[in-house]
N, C-alpha and C. Protein backbone atom coordinates (compact mmCIF):
# COMPACT_ATOMS: atom_id res chain seq x y z
N MET A 1 -31.98 -0.56 -5.57
CA MET A 1 -31.25 -2.01 -5.79
C MET A 1 -32.51 -3.39 -5.79
N GLN A 2 -31.88 -4.56 -6.87
CA GLN A 2 -32.68 -5.06 -6.91
C GLN A 2 -32.74 -6.54 -6.02
N ASP A 3 -31.68 -7.09 -5.49
CA ASP A 3 -31.72 -7.68 -4.55
C ASP A 3 -30.35 -7.68 -3.25
N ILE A 4 -30.72 -8.72 -2.46
CA ILE A 4 -30.26 -8.59 -1.25
C ILE A 4 -28.27 -8.52 -1.41
N SER A 5 -28.22 -9.09 -2.50
CA SER A 5 -26.49 -9.44 -2.36
C SER A 5 -25.86 -7.83 -3.16
N LEU A 6 -26.96 -7.23 -3.66
CA LEU A 6 -26.32 -5.95 -4.19
C LEU A 6 -26.35 -4.93 -2.82
N HIS A 7 -27.36 -5.24 -1.86
CA HIS A 7 -27.14 -4.15 -0.59
C HIS A 7 -25.69 -5.01 -0.01
N ILE A 8 -25.36 -5.64 -0.02
CA ILE A 8 -24.62 -6.60 1.07
C ILE A 8 -23.15 -6.14 0.49
N LEU A 9 -23.05 -5.90 -1.22
CA LEU A 9 -22.13 -5.40 -1.92
C LEU A 9 -21.12 -3.96 -1.49
N ASP A 10 -22.54 -3.20 -1.46
CA ASP A 10 -22.64 -2.04 -1.14
C ASP A 10 -22.26 -1.37 0.30
N ILE A 11 -22.35 -2.66 1.64
CA ILE A 11 -22.10 -2.21 2.77
C ILE A 11 -20.61 -2.54 2.41
N LEU A 12 -20.38 -3.93 1.98
CA LEU A 12 -18.84 -4.44 2.10
C LEU A 12 -18.00 -3.15 1.31
N GLU A 13 -18.27 -2.37 0.44
CA GLU A 13 -17.59 -1.37 -0.01
C GLU A 13 -17.31 -0.31 0.58
N ASN A 14 -18.79 0.19 1.41
CA ASN A 14 -18.44 1.19 2.39
C ASN A 14 -17.32 0.67 3.33
N ALA A 15 -17.24 -0.28 3.83
CA ALA A 15 -16.47 -1.00 4.65
C ALA A 15 -15.10 -0.79 4.69
N ILE A 16 -15.18 -1.31 2.91
CA ILE A 16 -13.30 -0.93 2.52
C ILE A 16 -12.97 0.48 2.37
N SER A 17 -13.89 1.10 2.19
CA SER A 17 -13.32 2.37 1.63
C SER A 17 -13.32 2.80 3.15
N ALA A 18 -13.82 2.70 4.31
CA ALA A 18 -13.46 3.00 5.67
C ALA A 18 -12.38 2.40 6.06
N GLU A 19 -11.48 2.14 5.52
CA GLU A 19 -10.21 1.13 5.68
C GLU A 19 -10.24 0.10 6.55
N ALA A 20 -10.94 -0.68 6.40
CA ALA A 20 -11.44 -2.21 7.29
C ALA A 20 -10.25 -2.84 6.79
N LYS A 21 -9.59 -3.63 7.62
CA LYS A 21 -8.67 -4.65 7.47
C LYS A 21 -9.31 -6.14 7.57
N LYS A 22 -10.57 -6.14 8.32
CA LYS A 22 -11.38 -7.21 8.60
C LYS A 22 -12.68 -6.88 8.22
N ILE A 23 -13.06 -8.04 7.44
CA ILE A 23 -14.72 -7.54 7.43
C ILE A 23 -15.41 -9.11 7.80
N GLU A 24 -16.27 -9.03 8.98
CA GLU A 24 -17.25 -10.29 8.78
C GLU A 24 -18.67 -10.43 8.49
N LEU A 25 -19.26 -11.25 7.57
CA LEU A 25 -19.91 -11.38 7.03
C LEU A 25 -20.95 -12.61 7.47
N SER A 26 -21.95 -12.61 8.16
CA SER A 26 -22.73 -13.86 8.81
C SER A 26 -24.05 -13.34 7.56
N ILE A 27 -24.74 -14.67 7.60
CA ILE A 27 -25.77 -14.91 6.95
C ILE A 27 -26.57 -16.14 7.33
N ASN A 28 -27.50 -15.86 8.15
CA ASN A 28 -28.59 -16.81 8.42
C ASN A 28 -29.77 -17.12 8.42
N VAL A 29 -30.25 -18.41 7.64
CA VAL A 29 -31.77 -18.25 7.63
C VAL A 29 -32.11 -19.49 8.53
N ASN A 30 -33.41 -19.04 9.43
CA ASN A 30 -34.02 -19.44 10.48
C ASN A 30 -35.13 -19.90 9.96
N GLU A 31 -35.44 -20.84 9.26
CA GLU A 31 -37.02 -21.21 9.24
C GLU A 31 -37.74 -21.49 10.62
N LYS A 32 -37.78 -21.64 11.21
CA LYS A 32 -38.38 -22.18 12.37
C LYS A 32 -38.86 -20.86 13.10
N GLU A 33 -37.66 -19.75 12.96
CA GLU A 33 -38.29 -18.22 13.41
C GLU A 33 -38.71 -17.10 12.43
N ASN A 34 -38.74 -18.39 10.79
CA ASN A 34 -39.18 -16.93 9.82
C ASN A 34 -38.43 -16.12 9.42
N ILE A 35 -36.98 -15.87 9.56
CA ILE A 35 -35.92 -14.90 9.38
C ILE A 35 -34.90 -14.96 8.59
N LEU A 36 -34.56 -13.98 8.14
CA LEU A 36 -32.96 -13.97 7.53
C LEU A 36 -32.58 -12.97 7.82
N SER A 37 -31.45 -13.26 8.54
CA SER A 37 -30.20 -12.15 8.99
C SER A 37 -29.10 -12.17 8.34
N ILE A 38 -28.70 -11.09 8.57
CA ILE A 38 -27.37 -10.88 7.70
C ILE A 38 -26.81 -9.54 9.03
N ARG A 39 -25.55 -10.22 9.18
CA ARG A 39 -24.70 -9.26 9.95
C ARG A 39 -23.59 -8.83 9.16
N ILE A 40 -22.88 -7.51 9.32
CA ILE A 40 -21.69 -7.19 8.45
C ILE A 40 -20.99 -6.43 9.52
N LYS A 41 -19.90 -6.87 9.89
CA LYS A 41 -19.07 -6.40 10.88
C LYS A 41 -17.66 -6.15 10.47
N ASP A 42 -17.01 -4.68 10.65
CA ASP A 42 -15.64 -4.31 10.19
C ASP A 42 -15.07 -3.54 11.12
N ASP A 43 -13.84 -3.61 10.94
CA ASP A 43 -12.97 -2.96 12.09
C ASP A 43 -12.50 -1.64 11.42
N GLY A 44 -13.05 -0.74 10.51
CA GLY A 44 -12.86 0.50 9.76
C GLY A 44 -12.69 1.50 10.83
N LYS A 45 -12.71 2.46 10.06
CA LYS A 45 -12.52 3.82 10.40
C LYS A 45 -13.79 4.25 11.82
N GLY A 46 -14.94 3.45 11.30
CA GLY A 46 -16.20 3.68 12.20
C GLY A 46 -16.68 5.29 11.59
N ILE A 47 -17.79 5.48 12.15
CA ILE A 47 -18.90 6.67 12.19
C ILE A 47 -18.76 7.29 13.51
N ASP A 48 -18.27 9.02 12.93
CA ASP A 48 -18.69 9.60 14.40
C ASP A 48 -20.18 9.81 14.75
N GLU A 49 -20.66 10.09 16.02
CA GLU A 49 -22.09 10.50 16.24
C GLU A 49 -22.43 11.19 15.66
N GLU A 50 -21.66 12.42 14.99
CA GLU A 50 -22.52 13.32 14.20
C GLU A 50 -22.58 12.65 12.92
N LEU A 51 -21.82 11.91 12.59
CA LEU A 51 -22.00 11.33 11.42
C LEU A 51 -23.15 10.28 11.11
N LEU A 52 -23.23 9.18 12.19
CA LEU A 52 -24.37 8.76 12.27
C LEU A 52 -25.54 9.15 12.42
N GLN A 53 -25.90 10.31 12.66
CA GLN A 53 -27.05 10.74 12.51
C GLN A 53 -27.58 11.26 11.41
N GLU A 54 -26.65 11.23 10.19
CA GLU A 54 -26.95 11.59 8.49
C GLU A 54 -27.32 9.91 7.93
N VAL A 55 -26.30 9.27 8.25
CA VAL A 55 -26.09 8.21 7.80
C VAL A 55 -27.37 7.22 7.04
N GLU A 56 -28.64 7.17 7.66
CA GLU A 56 -30.09 6.72 7.42
C GLU A 56 -30.51 7.93 6.49
N ASN A 57 -29.92 9.25 6.36
CA ASN A 57 -30.68 10.03 5.17
C ASN A 57 -30.78 9.85 3.97
N PRO A 58 -31.16 9.58 2.92
CA PRO A 58 -31.02 9.19 1.51
C PRO A 58 -30.47 10.24 0.71
N PHE A 59 -30.45 11.43 1.47
CA PHE A 59 -29.72 12.81 0.74
C PHE A 59 -28.58 13.38 1.27
N TYR A 60 -28.02 12.04 1.83
CA TYR A 60 -26.80 12.54 2.70
C TYR A 60 -25.49 11.61 1.77
N THR A 61 -24.19 11.91 1.60
CA THR A 61 -23.11 11.06 1.07
C THR A 61 -21.89 11.53 1.62
N THR A 62 -21.07 10.96 1.77
CA THR A 62 -20.05 11.26 2.41
C THR A 62 -18.77 11.06 1.01
N LYS A 63 -19.34 10.96 -0.22
CA LYS A 63 -18.71 10.42 -1.35
C LYS A 63 -18.43 11.79 -2.08
N LYS A 64 -17.52 12.84 -1.91
CA LYS A 64 -17.37 13.98 -2.53
C LYS A 64 -17.45 13.70 -4.21
N GLU A 65 -16.68 12.91 -4.85
CA GLU A 65 -16.69 13.09 -6.37
C GLU A 65 -17.68 12.77 -6.98
N ARG A 66 -19.00 12.35 -6.37
CA ARG A 66 -20.46 12.36 -6.86
C ARG A 66 -21.31 13.47 -7.30
N ILE A 67 -21.46 13.35 -8.78
CA ILE A 67 -22.50 14.74 -9.18
C ILE A 67 -24.05 14.65 -8.61
N LYS A 68 -24.47 13.47 -8.31
CA LYS A 68 -25.67 13.74 -7.37
C LYS A 68 -24.94 13.35 -5.96
N LYS A 69 -25.72 14.04 -4.91
CA LYS A 69 -25.41 13.89 -3.84
C LYS A 69 -26.14 13.23 -3.05
N VAL A 70 -26.13 12.02 -3.32
CA VAL A 70 -27.20 11.34 -2.53
C VAL A 70 -26.56 9.69 -1.98
N GLY A 71 -26.95 9.29 -0.96
CA GLY A 71 -26.31 8.00 -0.66
C GLY A 71 -27.38 7.10 0.06
N LEU A 72 -27.85 6.52 -0.97
CA LEU A 72 -29.20 5.46 -1.09
C LEU A 72 -28.66 4.52 -0.67
N GLY A 73 -27.89 3.71 -0.43
CA GLY A 73 -27.41 1.91 -0.08
C GLY A 73 -27.67 1.92 1.10
N ILE A 74 -27.73 2.47 2.65
CA ILE A 74 -27.85 2.21 3.64
C ILE A 74 -29.54 2.57 3.86
N PRO A 75 -29.86 3.75 3.57
CA PRO A 75 -31.46 3.81 3.83
C PRO A 75 -32.16 2.96 3.11
N LEU A 76 -32.00 2.65 1.75
CA LEU A 76 -32.85 1.33 1.22
C LEU A 76 -32.56 0.12 1.53
N PHE A 77 -31.59 -0.30 1.99
CA PHE A 77 -31.30 -1.50 2.74
C PHE A 77 -32.09 -1.60 3.90
N LYS A 78 -32.23 -0.69 4.39
CA LYS A 78 -33.27 -0.32 5.95
C LYS A 78 -34.46 -0.46 5.74
N GLN A 79 -35.08 0.28 4.75
CA GLN A 79 -36.25 0.33 3.68
C GLN A 79 -36.98 -0.73 3.70
N HIS A 80 -36.08 -1.63 2.98
CA HIS A 80 -36.53 -3.15 2.35
C HIS A 80 -36.66 -3.99 3.63
N ALA A 81 -35.86 -4.04 4.35
CA ALA A 81 -36.00 -4.62 5.88
C ALA A 81 -37.06 -4.38 6.42
N LEU A 82 -37.63 -3.21 6.82
CA LEU A 82 -38.72 -2.85 7.36
C LEU A 82 -39.77 -3.17 6.69
N MET A 83 -39.69 -2.57 5.42
CA MET A 83 -40.78 -3.39 4.46
C MET A 83 -41.70 -5.35 4.57
N THR A 84 -40.47 -5.67 5.02
CA THR A 84 -40.93 -7.26 5.57
C THR A 84 -41.00 -7.62 6.83
N ASP A 85 -41.55 -6.54 8.05
CA ASP A 85 -41.66 -6.69 9.11
C ASP A 85 -40.53 -6.77 9.28
N GLY A 86 -39.17 -6.75 9.35
CA GLY A 86 -37.83 -6.83 9.74
C GLY A 86 -37.30 -5.80 10.53
N ASP A 87 -36.02 -6.09 10.87
CA ASP A 87 -35.21 -4.72 10.99
C ASP A 87 -34.08 -4.37 10.88
N PHE A 88 -33.21 -3.56 11.28
CA PHE A 88 -32.24 -2.89 10.96
C PHE A 88 -31.63 -2.11 12.00
N SER A 89 -30.65 -2.05 12.05
CA SER A 89 -29.70 -1.52 13.49
C SER A 89 -28.16 -1.52 12.72
N LEU A 90 -27.67 0.02 13.04
CA LEU A 90 -26.30 0.62 12.61
C LEU A 90 -25.88 0.69 13.87
N LYS A 91 -24.50 0.27 14.68
CA LYS A 91 -23.91 0.77 15.57
C LYS A 91 -22.61 0.81 14.99
N SER A 92 -21.64 2.10 15.69
CA SER A 92 -20.52 2.61 15.17
C SER A 92 -19.75 3.02 16.14
N GLU A 93 -18.34 3.16 16.44
CA GLU A 93 -17.57 4.00 17.22
C GLU A 93 -16.12 4.46 16.40
N LYS A 94 -16.12 5.80 16.54
CA LYS A 94 -15.31 6.04 15.68
C LYS A 94 -13.68 5.74 15.79
N ASP A 95 -13.05 5.18 15.00
CA ASP A 95 -11.93 4.30 15.13
C ASP A 95 -11.94 2.82 15.96
N ALA A 96 -13.06 2.68 15.94
CA ALA A 96 -13.03 0.98 16.12
C ALA A 96 -14.38 0.07 15.03
N GLY A 97 -15.02 0.38 14.23
CA GLY A 97 -15.86 -0.09 13.11
C GLY A 97 -16.80 -0.23 13.08
N THR A 98 -17.94 -0.63 12.31
CA THR A 98 -19.22 -0.59 12.29
C THR A 98 -20.11 -2.22 12.42
N VAL A 99 -21.06 -2.12 12.63
CA VAL A 99 -21.76 -3.41 12.63
C VAL A 99 -23.31 -3.02 12.23
N ILE A 100 -23.68 -3.62 10.97
CA ILE A 100 -24.75 -3.57 10.61
C ILE A 100 -25.42 -5.37 10.52
N ASN A 101 -26.73 -4.68 11.60
CA ASN A 101 -27.62 -5.92 11.41
C ASN A 101 -29.09 -6.03 10.47
N VAL A 102 -29.45 -6.46 9.95
CA VAL A 102 -30.65 -6.75 9.07
C VAL A 102 -31.21 -7.58 9.31
N VAL A 103 -32.75 -7.92 9.22
CA VAL A 103 -33.22 -8.65 9.62
C VAL A 103 -34.69 -8.70 8.77
N PHE A 104 -34.73 -9.92 7.94
CA PHE A 104 -36.09 -9.66 7.05
C PHE A 104 -37.31 -11.00 7.24
N GLN A 105 -38.14 -10.78 7.12
CA GLN A 105 -39.40 -12.03 7.56
C GLN A 105 -38.67 -12.58 6.22
N TYR A 106 -38.54 -14.08 6.66
CA TYR A 106 -38.20 -14.73 5.55
C TYR A 106 -39.28 -15.59 4.45
N ASP A 107 -40.03 -14.99 4.62
CA ASP A 107 -41.38 -16.06 3.72
C ASP A 107 -42.09 -14.50 2.79
N HIS A 108 -42.03 -13.62 3.68
CA HIS A 108 -42.73 -12.22 3.50
C HIS A 108 -42.54 -11.80 1.82
N ILE A 109 -43.49 -11.71 1.73
CA ILE A 109 -44.23 -11.93 0.10
C ILE A 109 -42.90 -10.30 -0.80
N ASP A 110 -42.85 -9.23 0.07
CA ASP A 110 -42.05 -8.35 -0.25
C ASP A 110 -40.38 -8.44 -0.07
N ARG A 111 -40.09 -9.55 0.65
CA ARG A 111 -38.84 -10.03 0.43
C ARG A 111 -38.01 -10.11 -0.66
N MET A 112 -37.19 -9.12 -1.05
CA MET A 112 -36.40 -8.96 -2.07
C MET A 112 -35.22 -10.70 -2.20
N PRO A 113 -35.03 -11.11 -3.14
CA PRO A 113 -34.48 -12.69 -3.46
C PRO A 113 -32.79 -12.05 -3.25
N MET A 114 -31.92 -12.99 -2.67
CA MET A 114 -30.81 -13.10 -2.58
C MET A 114 -29.84 -12.20 -3.63
N GLY A 115 -30.45 -13.11 -4.57
CA GLY A 115 -29.61 -12.82 -5.93
C GLY A 115 -28.53 -13.70 -6.24
N ASP A 116 -27.48 -12.80 -6.64
CA ASP A 116 -26.32 -13.54 -6.90
C ASP A 116 -24.96 -13.37 -6.03
N LEU A 117 -24.93 -14.07 -4.77
CA LEU A 117 -24.39 -13.88 -3.70
C LEU A 117 -23.05 -14.56 -4.16
N GLU A 118 -22.84 -15.49 -4.81
CA GLU A 118 -21.57 -16.08 -5.30
C GLU A 118 -20.83 -15.08 -5.97
N SER A 119 -21.14 -14.25 -6.75
CA SER A 119 -20.54 -13.64 -7.81
C SER A 119 -20.14 -12.32 -6.49
N THR A 120 -21.13 -11.69 -5.91
CA THR A 120 -20.59 -10.76 -5.03
C THR A 120 -19.36 -11.13 -3.95
N LEU A 121 -19.54 -12.21 -3.06
CA LEU A 121 -18.57 -12.56 -2.51
C LEU A 121 -17.65 -12.69 -3.36
N LEU A 122 -17.17 -13.18 -4.38
CA LEU A 122 -15.70 -13.37 -5.21
C LEU A 122 -15.15 -12.22 -5.36
N ASN A 123 -16.18 -11.15 -6.28
CA ASN A 123 -15.63 -10.32 -6.74
C ASN A 123 -14.95 -9.52 -5.46
N THR A 124 -15.81 -9.22 -4.53
CA THR A 124 -15.17 -8.87 -3.34
C THR A 124 -13.96 -9.32 -3.23
N ILE A 125 -14.19 -10.16 -2.85
CA ILE A 125 -12.56 -11.09 -2.43
C ILE A 125 -11.44 -10.63 -3.47
N PHE A 126 -11.61 -11.00 -4.71
CA PHE A 126 -10.75 -10.68 -5.48
C PHE A 126 -10.18 -9.61 -5.82
N SER A 127 -11.30 -8.42 -5.65
CA SER A 127 -10.74 -7.04 -5.94
C SER A 127 -9.95 -6.53 -4.62
N HIS A 128 -10.10 -7.19 -3.38
CA HIS A 128 -9.41 -6.54 -2.03
C HIS A 128 -8.65 -7.66 -1.53
N PRO A 129 -7.86 -8.17 -2.34
CA PRO A 129 -7.25 -9.30 -1.72
C PRO A 129 -6.70 -9.02 -0.14
N GLU A 130 -6.01 -7.81 0.01
CA GLU A 130 -5.45 -7.02 1.12
C GLU A 130 -6.60 -6.99 2.56
N VAL A 131 -7.99 -7.22 2.13
CA VAL A 131 -9.02 -7.86 3.63
C VAL A 131 -8.92 -9.07 3.61
N ASP A 132 -9.34 -9.16 4.71
CA ASP A 132 -9.50 -10.47 5.52
C ASP A 132 -10.80 -10.31 5.88
N PHE A 133 -11.61 -11.45 5.03
CA PHE A 133 -12.96 -11.67 5.08
C PHE A 133 -13.38 -13.09 5.83
N GLU A 134 -14.10 -12.88 6.62
CA GLU A 134 -14.68 -14.28 7.33
C GLU A 134 -15.83 -14.22 7.21
N ILE A 135 -16.63 -15.37 6.54
CA ILE A 135 -17.72 -15.24 5.94
C ILE A 135 -18.45 -16.56 6.98
N ILE A 136 -19.67 -16.50 7.24
CA ILE A 136 -20.67 -17.95 7.93
C ILE A 136 -21.83 -17.78 7.52
N LEU A 137 -22.04 -18.91 6.95
CA LEU A 137 -23.50 -19.05 6.50
C LEU A 137 -24.17 -20.12 6.71
N GLN A 138 -25.01 -19.68 7.41
CA GLN A 138 -25.68 -20.92 8.25
C GLN A 138 -27.37 -20.96 7.99
N ARG A 139 -27.67 -22.46 7.97
CA ARG A 139 -29.59 -22.58 7.73
C ARG A 139 -29.76 -23.36 8.74
N GLN A 140 -30.97 -22.51 9.18
CA GLN A 140 -31.65 -23.72 10.28
C GLN A 140 -33.17 -24.18 9.94
N ASN A 141 -33.58 -25.16 9.89
CA ASN A 141 -34.37 -25.89 9.89
C ASN A 141 -34.60 -27.16 10.59
N SER A 142 -35.09 -28.09 9.97
CA SER A 142 -35.47 -29.58 11.01
C SER A 142 -33.48 -29.41 11.30
N HIS A 143 -32.95 -29.24 10.49
CA HIS A 143 -31.23 -29.50 11.36
C HIS A 143 -30.72 -28.45 10.71
N GLU A 144 -29.43 -27.95 11.52
CA GLU A 144 -28.96 -26.81 11.25
C GLU A 144 -27.10 -27.05 10.51
N THR A 145 -27.14 -26.39 9.16
CA THR A 145 -26.21 -26.39 8.29
C THR A 145 -25.44 -25.30 8.40
N LYS A 146 -23.98 -25.06 8.66
CA LYS A 146 -23.26 -23.98 9.16
C LYS A 146 -21.93 -24.43 8.44
N GLU A 147 -21.35 -23.07 7.73
CA GLU A 147 -20.39 -23.39 6.76
C GLU A 147 -19.47 -21.84 7.48
N LYS A 148 -18.47 -22.30 7.43
CA LYS A 148 -17.18 -20.90 7.42
C LYS A 148 -16.40 -20.78 6.28
N PHE A 149 -16.07 -19.50 6.16
CA PHE A 149 -14.88 -19.31 5.26
C PHE A 149 -13.96 -18.00 5.83
N SER A 150 -12.81 -18.67 5.36
CA SER A 150 -11.87 -17.29 6.02
C SER A 150 -10.77 -17.14 5.42
N THR A 151 -10.41 -15.66 4.68
CA THR A 151 -9.29 -15.51 3.84
C THR A 151 -8.16 -15.73 4.72
N SER A 152 -8.03 -15.19 6.34
CA SER A 152 -7.23 -15.41 6.75
C SER A 152 -6.61 -16.84 6.63
N ALA A 153 -7.27 -17.36 7.39
CA ALA A 153 -7.03 -18.81 7.27
C ALA A 153 -6.11 -19.55 6.20
N ILE A 154 -7.06 -18.89 4.66
CA ILE A 154 -6.35 -19.87 3.81
C ILE A 154 -4.62 -18.60 3.72
N ARG A 155 -4.76 -17.57 4.13
CA ARG A 155 -3.09 -16.91 4.01
C ARG A 155 -2.41 -17.55 4.75
N ARG A 156 -2.82 -18.17 6.27
CA ARG A 156 -1.55 -18.85 6.75
C ARG A 156 -1.04 -20.07 6.45
N ILE A 157 -1.93 -20.76 5.59
CA ILE A 157 -1.73 -22.20 5.03
C ILE A 157 -0.58 -21.62 3.76
N LEU A 158 -1.02 -20.86 2.59
CA LEU A 158 -0.13 -20.25 1.85
C LEU A 158 0.69 -19.48 1.95
N GLY A 159 1.20 -18.74 3.01
CA GLY A 159 1.96 -18.69 3.04
C GLY A 159 1.91 -16.66 2.44
N ASP A 160 3.53 -16.90 1.42
CA ASP A 160 3.33 -15.66 0.62
C ASP A 160 2.88 -15.92 -0.93
N VAL A 161 1.95 -16.66 -0.96
CA VAL A 161 1.10 -17.18 -2.24
C VAL A 161 -0.15 -16.35 -2.16
N PRO A 162 -0.22 -15.50 -2.74
CA PRO A 162 -1.46 -14.30 -3.02
C PRO A 162 -2.91 -14.90 -3.28
N LEU A 163 -3.75 -14.36 -2.97
CA LEU A 163 -5.20 -14.93 -2.68
C LEU A 163 -5.59 -14.67 -4.15
N THR A 164 -4.75 -14.15 -5.18
CA THR A 164 -5.24 -13.37 -6.54
C THR A 164 -4.31 -15.22 -7.54
N TYR A 165 -3.57 -15.80 -6.78
CA TYR A 165 -2.74 -16.55 -8.24
C TYR A 165 -4.36 -17.62 -8.38
N PRO A 166 -4.21 -17.60 -9.61
CA PRO A 166 -5.01 -18.66 -10.86
C PRO A 166 -5.44 -19.81 -9.55
N ASP A 167 -4.85 -20.97 -9.42
CA ASP A 167 -5.04 -21.91 -8.59
C ASP A 167 -5.70 -21.67 -7.23
N VAL A 168 -5.36 -20.81 -6.39
CA VAL A 168 -5.90 -20.13 -5.12
C VAL A 168 -7.53 -19.77 -5.43
N MET A 169 -7.50 -19.13 -6.49
CA MET A 169 -8.77 -18.12 -6.66
C MET A 169 -9.73 -19.48 -7.19
N ASP A 170 -9.32 -20.31 -7.54
CA ASP A 170 -10.07 -21.66 -8.12
C ASP A 170 -10.76 -22.44 -6.95
N PHE A 171 -9.54 -22.57 -5.71
CA PHE A 171 -10.06 -22.97 -4.79
C PHE A 171 -11.00 -22.33 -4.25
N ILE A 172 -10.86 -20.93 -3.95
CA ILE A 172 -11.69 -20.02 -3.17
C ILE A 172 -13.22 -19.88 -3.90
N LYS A 173 -13.19 -20.12 -5.09
CA LYS A 173 -14.63 -20.35 -5.96
C LYS A 173 -15.09 -21.40 -5.40
N GLU A 174 -14.12 -22.46 -5.68
CA GLU A 174 -14.81 -23.94 -5.40
C GLU A 174 -15.64 -23.89 -3.82
N ASN A 175 -14.48 -23.10 -3.08
CA ASN A 175 -15.37 -23.37 -1.56
C ASN A 175 -16.64 -22.50 -1.17
N ILE A 176 -16.54 -21.60 -1.71
CA ILE A 176 -18.02 -20.35 -2.07
C ILE A 176 -18.98 -21.16 -2.16
N LYS A 177 -18.73 -21.43 -3.84
CA LYS A 177 -19.58 -22.24 -3.87
C LYS A 177 -20.14 -23.44 -3.27
N ARG A 178 -19.34 -24.53 -2.88
CA ARG A 178 -20.16 -25.55 -2.39
C ARG A 178 -20.69 -25.09 -0.69
N SER A 179 -20.23 -24.25 -0.34
CA SER A 179 -20.87 -23.57 0.98
C SER A 179 -22.27 -22.52 0.73
N LEU A 180 -22.20 -21.71 -0.33
CA LEU A 180 -23.53 -21.48 -0.70
C LEU A 180 -24.31 -23.04 -1.22
N LYS A 181 -24.07 -23.69 -1.68
CA LYS A 181 -24.91 -24.47 -1.90
C LYS A 181 -25.60 -25.79 -0.87
N LYS A 182 -24.50 -25.77 0.20
CA LYS A 182 -24.89 -26.58 0.99
C LYS A 182 -25.91 -25.81 1.98
N ILE A 183 -26.17 -24.56 2.21
CA ILE A 183 -27.26 -23.38 2.94
C ILE A 183 -28.28 -23.63 2.26
N LYS A 184 -28.25 -24.05 0.53
CA LYS A 184 -29.03 -23.87 -0.40
C LYS A 184 -29.84 -22.14 -0.83
N VAL A 185 -28.70 -21.30 -0.96
CA VAL A 185 -29.03 -19.93 -1.41
C VAL A 185 -29.63 -20.01 -2.52
N GLU A 186 -29.72 -21.23 -3.23
CA GLU A 186 -30.50 -20.93 -4.49
C GLU A 186 -32.21 -20.67 -4.06
N GLU A 187 -32.67 -21.23 -2.87
CA GLU A 187 -33.94 -20.96 -2.45
C GLU A 187 -34.24 -19.63 -1.92
N LEU A 188 -33.16 -18.71 -1.78
CA LEU A 188 -33.23 -17.60 -0.95
C LEU A 188 -33.72 -16.26 -1.77
């Protein structure tokens, strides 16, 4: 994978495949501490203890329809974090969901660029309107900027109007774009 947004997409799709109904994504840039941290939490099926031992093995996958039996998403995400003197943790409980925490050294020369986070978020939200997405974007430098976005909050306001209704999609696009601009995602 060429950028962090593609790793995020992979983990979001894994959560959706695990039947998650709610996914929380938190991205925090802390320039004072020189870290970029990403947390993805879902309420999906979770991973049992035996499978948890295998999930970081690049030659293991749960996807049966694959010709090549490899699962590089999680192992590569971990490798990219560790290459920047960062950290990676994955915690999961059967029938209770999964939490992945990834930390990159913010200014490390080997840290991948963020990539097209806007398209990643929008495509995931619009492809899976049945899932509740809670997105927190935060940047800490001389002052703190924090943006929150919630599809469940939009649903409560809209009632029966679907997230994929064109005017609603435009509203979501503008809100995501505004939030990403406020935390200066283009600098990541």
